[in-house]
Amino acid sequence: MANEAITTTRFFGDGDHAFALPPERVAELERKAGAGVGAISRRMFAGDFTALELRETVRIGLIGGGSTPEDAAVLVSLYVDGRPLSEVHPLATAILEALWWGPAKTEADDGQA
């Protein structure tokens, strides 16, 4: 269980999709962005990201969540490329938040109605 990536499921483009950054995908993100995941996350959380970091966090997160690289590329081309950054930033931030802090707790997780 300790080696499993933390997955977050979010609505993206055409429906709910799983996103995750297991270790091999973190390495891919770092390679593509030319920066460590700490620096990428710090910039993303501060809103000081590059467009490439935003795009690649979503694309690689889709692959880590189980999408094929081809499907991830199509989804990103449709729902990231050419869209306002303000639409995509919350998703990229949520993917990195799951990596840092684990899955978001819901009221159901707390035993509340």
N, C-alpha and C. Protein backbone atom coordinates (compact mmCIF):
# COMPACT_ATOMS: atom_id res chain seq x y z
N MET A 1 0.82 -1.19 0.00
CA MET A 1 0.00 0.00 0.00
C MET A 1 0.86 1.26 0.00
N ALA A 2 2.03 1.26 0.66
CA ALA A 2 2.87 2.44 0.77
C ALA A 2 3.43 2.88 -0.58
N ASN A 3 3.56 1.99 -1.53
CA ASN A 3 4.12 2.34 -2.83
C ASN A 3 3.07 2.82 -3.83
N GLU A 4 1.81 2.77 -3.46
CA GLU A 4 0.76 3.20 -4.37
C GLU A 4 0.69 4.72 -4.39
N ALA A 5 0.46 5.25 -5.59
CA ALA A 5 0.33 6.70 -5.73
C ALA A 5 -1.01 7.14 -5.16
N ILE A 6 -1.03 8.33 -4.63
CA ILE A 6 -2.27 8.92 -4.14
C ILE A 6 -3.02 9.48 -5.34
N THR A 7 -4.23 9.02 -5.52
CA THR A 7 -5.03 9.40 -6.67
C THR A 7 -6.11 10.38 -6.23
N THR A 8 -6.34 11.36 -7.07
CA THR A 8 -7.46 12.27 -6.87
C THR A 8 -8.32 12.20 -8.13
N THR A 9 -9.60 12.21 -7.96
CA THR A 9 -10.52 12.16 -9.10
C THR A 9 -11.20 13.52 -9.20
N ARG A 10 -11.14 14.09 -10.39
CA ARG A 10 -11.69 15.42 -10.63
C ARG A 10 -12.43 15.44 -11.97
N PHE A 11 -13.38 16.35 -12.08
CA PHE A 11 -14.01 16.57 -13.38
C PHE A 11 -13.01 17.31 -14.24
N PHE A 12 -12.82 16.81 -15.46
CA PHE A 12 -11.90 17.45 -16.40
C PHE A 12 -12.44 17.25 -17.81
N GLY A 13 -12.84 18.32 -18.44
CA GLY A 13 -13.26 18.29 -19.83
C GLY A 13 -14.58 17.60 -20.08
N ASP A 14 -14.53 16.27 -20.15
CA ASP A 14 -15.72 15.51 -20.55
C ASP A 14 -16.26 14.60 -19.46
N GLY A 15 -15.68 14.65 -18.27
CA GLY A 15 -16.14 13.79 -17.19
C GLY A 15 -15.11 13.67 -16.10
N ASP A 16 -15.37 12.77 -15.15
CA ASP A 16 -14.44 12.54 -14.05
C ASP A 16 -13.26 11.71 -14.54
N HIS A 17 -12.07 12.13 -14.13
CA HIS A 17 -10.83 11.42 -14.49
C HIS A 17 -9.97 11.30 -13.24
N ALA A 18 -9.21 10.20 -13.17
CA ALA A 18 -8.27 10.00 -12.08
C ALA A 18 -6.93 10.64 -12.45
N PHE A 19 -6.29 11.24 -11.46
CA PHE A 19 -4.99 11.88 -11.61
C PHE A 19 -4.09 11.39 -10.48
N ALA A 20 -2.84 11.08 -10.80
CA ALA A 20 -1.88 10.66 -9.78
C ALA A 20 -0.46 10.94 -10.27
N LEU A 21 0.43 11.13 -9.33
CA LEU A 21 1.84 11.32 -9.65
C LEU A 21 2.68 10.32 -8.86
N PRO A 22 2.71 9.05 -9.31
CA PRO A 22 3.61 8.09 -8.67
C PRO A 22 5.06 8.47 -8.97
N PRO A 23 6.01 7.88 -8.26
CA PRO A 23 7.42 8.30 -8.40
C PRO A 23 7.93 8.40 -9.83
N GLU A 24 7.59 7.44 -10.68
CA GLU A 24 8.10 7.51 -12.06
C GLU A 24 7.48 8.68 -12.83
N ARG A 25 6.28 9.07 -12.47
CA ARG A 25 5.64 10.21 -13.12
C ARG A 25 6.18 11.54 -12.56
N VAL A 26 6.53 11.55 -11.28
CA VAL A 26 7.17 12.74 -10.70
C VAL A 26 8.48 13.00 -11.45
N ALA A 27 9.26 11.93 -11.67
CA ALA A 27 10.52 12.07 -12.40
C ALA A 27 10.28 12.60 -13.81
N GLU A 28 9.22 12.14 -14.47
CA GLU A 28 8.91 12.62 -15.81
C GLU A 28 8.53 14.10 -15.78
N LEU A 29 7.73 14.50 -14.80
CA LEU A 29 7.35 15.91 -14.66
C LEU A 29 8.58 16.77 -14.43
N GLU A 30 9.47 16.34 -13.57
CA GLU A 30 10.69 17.09 -13.30
C GLU A 30 11.54 17.22 -14.57
N ARG A 31 11.64 16.14 -15.33
CA ARG A 31 12.43 16.16 -16.56
C ARG A 31 11.82 17.12 -17.57
N LYS A 32 10.51 17.03 -17.77
CA LYS A 32 9.84 17.88 -18.75
C LYS A 32 9.90 19.37 -18.35
N ALA A 33 9.75 19.64 -17.06
CA ALA A 33 9.71 21.01 -16.59
C ALA A 33 11.10 21.58 -16.32
N GLY A 34 12.10 20.73 -16.20
CA GLY A 34 13.44 21.20 -15.92
C GLY A 34 13.60 21.74 -14.51
N ALA A 35 12.81 21.22 -13.59
CA ALA A 35 12.84 21.67 -12.20
C ALA A 35 12.36 20.54 -11.30
N GLY A 36 12.75 20.60 -10.03
CA GLY A 36 12.30 19.61 -9.06
C GLY A 36 10.84 19.81 -8.70
N VAL A 37 10.24 18.73 -8.20
CA VAL A 37 8.82 18.79 -7.86
C VAL A 37 8.53 19.80 -6.75
N GLY A 38 9.48 20.01 -5.87
CA GLY A 38 9.28 21.02 -4.82
C GLY A 38 9.16 22.41 -5.41
N ALA A 39 10.05 22.73 -6.35
CA ALA A 39 10.01 24.04 -7.00
C ALA A 39 8.74 24.19 -7.84
N ILE A 40 8.39 23.14 -8.57
CA ILE A 40 7.17 23.18 -9.38
C ILE A 40 5.96 23.42 -8.48
N SER A 41 5.88 22.66 -7.39
CA SER A 41 4.74 22.80 -6.47
C SER A 41 4.70 24.18 -5.84
N ARG A 42 5.84 24.66 -5.37
CA ARG A 42 5.89 25.97 -4.73
C ARG A 42 5.38 27.05 -5.70
N ARG A 43 5.84 26.97 -6.94
CA ARG A 43 5.38 27.95 -7.93
C ARG A 43 3.89 27.79 -8.23
N MET A 44 3.44 26.54 -8.35
CA MET A 44 2.02 26.30 -8.67
C MET A 44 1.14 26.84 -7.54
N PHE A 45 1.52 26.55 -6.29
CA PHE A 45 0.71 26.99 -5.15
C PHE A 45 0.71 28.52 -5.04
N ALA A 46 1.81 29.16 -5.45
CA ALA A 46 1.91 30.62 -5.38
C ALA A 46 1.34 31.31 -6.61
N GLY A 47 0.95 30.53 -7.63
CA GLY A 47 0.45 31.12 -8.86
C GLY A 47 1.54 31.68 -9.74
N ASP A 48 2.77 31.20 -9.55
CA ASP A 48 3.94 31.69 -10.28
C ASP A 48 4.51 30.59 -11.18
N PHE A 49 3.63 29.86 -11.83
CA PHE A 49 3.98 28.69 -12.63
C PHE A 49 4.24 29.06 -14.08
N THR A 50 4.84 28.13 -14.82
CA THR A 50 4.94 28.29 -16.26
C THR A 50 3.78 27.54 -16.91
N ALA A 51 3.45 27.92 -18.13
CA ALA A 51 2.39 27.23 -18.86
C ALA A 51 2.77 25.76 -19.06
N LEU A 52 4.05 25.48 -19.30
CA LEU A 52 4.49 24.10 -19.47
C LEU A 52 4.28 23.30 -18.19
N GLU A 53 4.59 23.88 -17.03
CA GLU A 53 4.36 23.17 -15.76
C GLU A 53 2.89 22.85 -15.57
N LEU A 54 2.04 23.79 -15.89
CA LEU A 54 0.60 23.60 -15.77
C LEU A 54 0.15 22.46 -16.67
N ARG A 55 0.50 22.54 -17.93
CA ARG A 55 0.10 21.55 -18.93
C ARG A 55 0.63 20.16 -18.59
N GLU A 56 1.91 20.08 -18.26
CA GLU A 56 2.52 18.78 -18.00
C GLU A 56 2.04 18.16 -16.70
N THR A 57 1.72 18.97 -15.70
CA THR A 57 1.16 18.42 -14.46
C THR A 57 -0.15 17.70 -14.76
N VAL A 58 -0.99 18.29 -15.58
CA VAL A 58 -2.27 17.68 -15.92
C VAL A 58 -2.05 16.44 -16.79
N ARG A 59 -1.25 16.57 -17.84
CA ARG A 59 -1.03 15.44 -18.76
C ARG A 59 -0.41 14.24 -18.04
N ILE A 60 0.64 14.50 -17.31
CA ILE A 60 1.33 13.41 -16.61
C ILE A 60 0.47 12.87 -15.47
N GLY A 61 -0.29 13.73 -14.83
CA GLY A 61 -1.23 13.28 -13.80
C GLY A 61 -2.29 12.34 -14.35
N LEU A 62 -2.78 12.63 -15.56
CA LEU A 62 -3.74 11.73 -16.21
C LEU A 62 -3.11 10.36 -16.45
N ILE A 63 -1.89 10.34 -16.96
CA ILE A 63 -1.20 9.08 -17.22
C ILE A 63 -0.99 8.32 -15.92
N GLY A 64 -0.56 9.02 -14.88
CA GLY A 64 -0.37 8.39 -13.57
C GLY A 64 -1.66 7.85 -12.99
N GLY A 65 -2.78 8.46 -13.37
CA GLY A 65 -4.09 8.02 -12.91
C GLY A 65 -4.69 6.89 -13.72
N GLY A 66 -4.00 6.47 -14.79
CA GLY A 66 -4.45 5.32 -15.55
C GLY A 66 -4.81 5.59 -17.00
N SER A 67 -4.81 6.84 -17.44
CA SER A 67 -5.09 7.12 -18.85
C SER A 67 -3.90 6.70 -19.71
N THR A 68 -4.16 6.33 -20.94
CA THR A 68 -3.05 6.06 -21.84
C THR A 68 -2.40 7.39 -22.21
N PRO A 69 -1.14 7.36 -22.58
CA PRO A 69 -0.50 8.61 -23.02
C PRO A 69 -1.24 9.26 -24.19
N GLU A 70 -1.78 8.46 -25.07
CA GLU A 70 -2.52 9.00 -26.21
C GLU A 70 -3.80 9.71 -25.76
N ASP A 71 -4.56 9.06 -24.87
CA ASP A 71 -5.79 9.68 -24.36
C ASP A 71 -5.48 10.95 -23.58
N ALA A 72 -4.41 10.91 -22.78
CA ALA A 72 -4.01 12.10 -22.01
C ALA A 72 -3.67 13.25 -22.95
N ALA A 73 -2.95 12.96 -24.03
CA ALA A 73 -2.57 14.00 -24.99
C ALA A 73 -3.81 14.61 -25.64
N VAL A 74 -4.78 13.78 -25.98
CA VAL A 74 -6.01 14.28 -26.60
C VAL A 74 -6.77 15.16 -25.62
N LEU A 75 -6.94 14.70 -24.38
CA LEU A 75 -7.67 15.49 -23.38
C LEU A 75 -7.00 16.83 -23.14
N VAL A 76 -5.68 16.82 -23.03
CA VAL A 76 -4.95 18.07 -22.79
C VAL A 76 -5.07 19.00 -23.99
N SER A 77 -5.01 18.45 -25.19
CA SER A 77 -5.13 19.31 -26.37
C SER A 77 -6.53 19.94 -26.46
N LEU A 78 -7.53 19.22 -25.98
CA LEU A 78 -8.90 19.74 -26.03
C LEU A 78 -9.23 20.68 -24.88
N TYR A 79 -8.74 20.37 -23.66
CA TYR A 79 -9.22 21.05 -22.47
C TYR A 79 -8.16 21.84 -21.69
N VAL A 80 -6.92 21.88 -22.20
CA VAL A 80 -5.88 22.71 -21.58
C VAL A 80 -5.36 23.71 -22.60
N ASP A 81 -4.89 23.21 -23.73
CA ASP A 81 -4.31 24.08 -24.75
C ASP A 81 -5.35 25.08 -25.25
N GLY A 82 -5.00 26.33 -25.19
CA GLY A 82 -5.91 27.37 -25.69
C GLY A 82 -6.98 27.81 -24.71
N ARG A 83 -7.05 27.16 -23.54
CA ARG A 83 -8.04 27.55 -22.54
C ARG A 83 -7.41 28.57 -21.59
N PRO A 84 -8.22 29.37 -20.92
CA PRO A 84 -7.66 30.31 -19.93
C PRO A 84 -6.93 29.55 -18.81
N LEU A 85 -5.79 30.06 -18.44
CA LEU A 85 -5.00 29.42 -17.39
C LEU A 85 -5.79 29.29 -16.09
N SER A 86 -6.68 30.25 -15.84
CA SER A 86 -7.46 30.22 -14.60
C SER A 86 -8.39 29.01 -14.54
N GLU A 87 -8.72 28.41 -15.67
CA GLU A 87 -9.55 27.20 -15.68
C GLU A 87 -8.75 25.96 -15.32
N VAL A 88 -7.48 25.95 -15.67
CA VAL A 88 -6.66 24.75 -15.52
C VAL A 88 -5.85 24.76 -14.22
N HIS A 89 -5.51 25.94 -13.74
CA HIS A 89 -4.67 26.05 -12.54
C HIS A 89 -5.24 25.31 -11.32
N PRO A 90 -6.54 25.40 -11.02
CA PRO A 90 -7.05 24.67 -9.86
C PRO A 90 -6.86 23.16 -9.97
N LEU A 91 -6.97 22.62 -11.16
CA LEU A 91 -6.78 21.18 -11.35
C LEU A 91 -5.33 20.80 -11.13
N ALA A 92 -4.41 21.53 -11.74
CA ALA A 92 -2.99 21.23 -11.56
C ALA A 92 -2.60 21.35 -10.09
N THR A 93 -3.14 22.35 -9.42
CA THR A 93 -2.86 22.52 -7.99
C THR A 93 -3.39 21.33 -7.19
N ALA A 94 -4.59 20.87 -7.50
CA ALA A 94 -5.17 19.72 -6.79
C ALA A 94 -4.35 18.46 -6.99
N ILE A 95 -3.79 18.27 -8.18
CA ILE A 95 -2.95 17.09 -8.45
C ILE A 95 -1.71 17.14 -7.57
N LEU A 96 -1.07 18.30 -7.49
CA LEU A 96 0.12 18.44 -6.65
C LEU A 96 -0.21 18.40 -5.17
N GLU A 97 -1.36 18.93 -4.78
CA GLU A 97 -1.78 18.86 -3.38
C GLU A 97 -1.96 17.41 -2.95
N ALA A 98 -2.53 16.57 -3.81
CA ALA A 98 -2.69 15.15 -3.47
C ALA A 98 -1.34 14.49 -3.27
N LEU A 99 -0.36 14.87 -4.08
CA LEU A 99 0.99 14.33 -3.92
C LEU A 99 1.59 14.75 -2.59
N TRP A 100 1.41 16.00 -2.21
CA TRP A 100 2.01 16.52 -0.98
C TRP A 100 1.27 16.10 0.29
N TRP A 101 -0.06 16.22 0.26
CA TRP A 101 -0.82 16.06 1.51
C TRP A 101 -1.79 14.89 1.51
N GLY A 102 -1.84 14.14 0.45
CA GLY A 102 -2.77 13.01 0.39
C GLY A 102 -4.12 13.47 -0.11
N PRO A 103 -5.05 12.54 -0.15
CA PRO A 103 -6.37 12.88 -0.69
C PRO A 103 -7.09 13.88 0.21
N ALA A 104 -7.86 14.75 -0.41
CA ALA A 104 -8.64 15.73 0.34
C ALA A 104 -9.70 15.00 1.16
N LYS A 105 -9.84 15.43 2.40
CA LYS A 105 -10.89 14.85 3.24
C LYS A 105 -12.22 15.46 2.86
N THR A 106 -13.24 14.64 2.93
CA THR A 106 -14.59 15.11 2.69
C THR A 106 -15.37 15.02 3.99
N GLU A 107 -16.56 15.58 4.00
CA GLU A 107 -17.39 15.48 5.21
C GLU A 107 -17.69 14.02 5.52
N ALA A 108 -17.85 13.18 4.49
CA ALA A 108 -18.12 11.76 4.70
C ALA A 108 -16.95 11.09 5.40
N ASP A 109 -15.71 11.52 5.09
CA ASP A 109 -14.53 10.95 5.74
C ASP A 109 -14.51 11.27 7.23
N ASP A 110 -15.08 12.41 7.59
CA ASP A 110 -15.10 12.83 8.99
C ASP A 110 -16.27 12.23 9.76
N GLY A 111 -17.10 11.43 9.08
CA GLY A 111 -18.26 10.84 9.73
C GLY A 111 -19.41 11.79 9.86
N GLN A 112 -19.35 12.91 9.14
CA GLN A 112 -20.44 13.89 9.18
C GLN A 112 -21.37 13.64 8.01
N ALA A 113 -22.59 14.09 8.17
CA ALA A 113 -23.59 13.91 7.10
C ALA A 113 -23.45 14.94 6.03
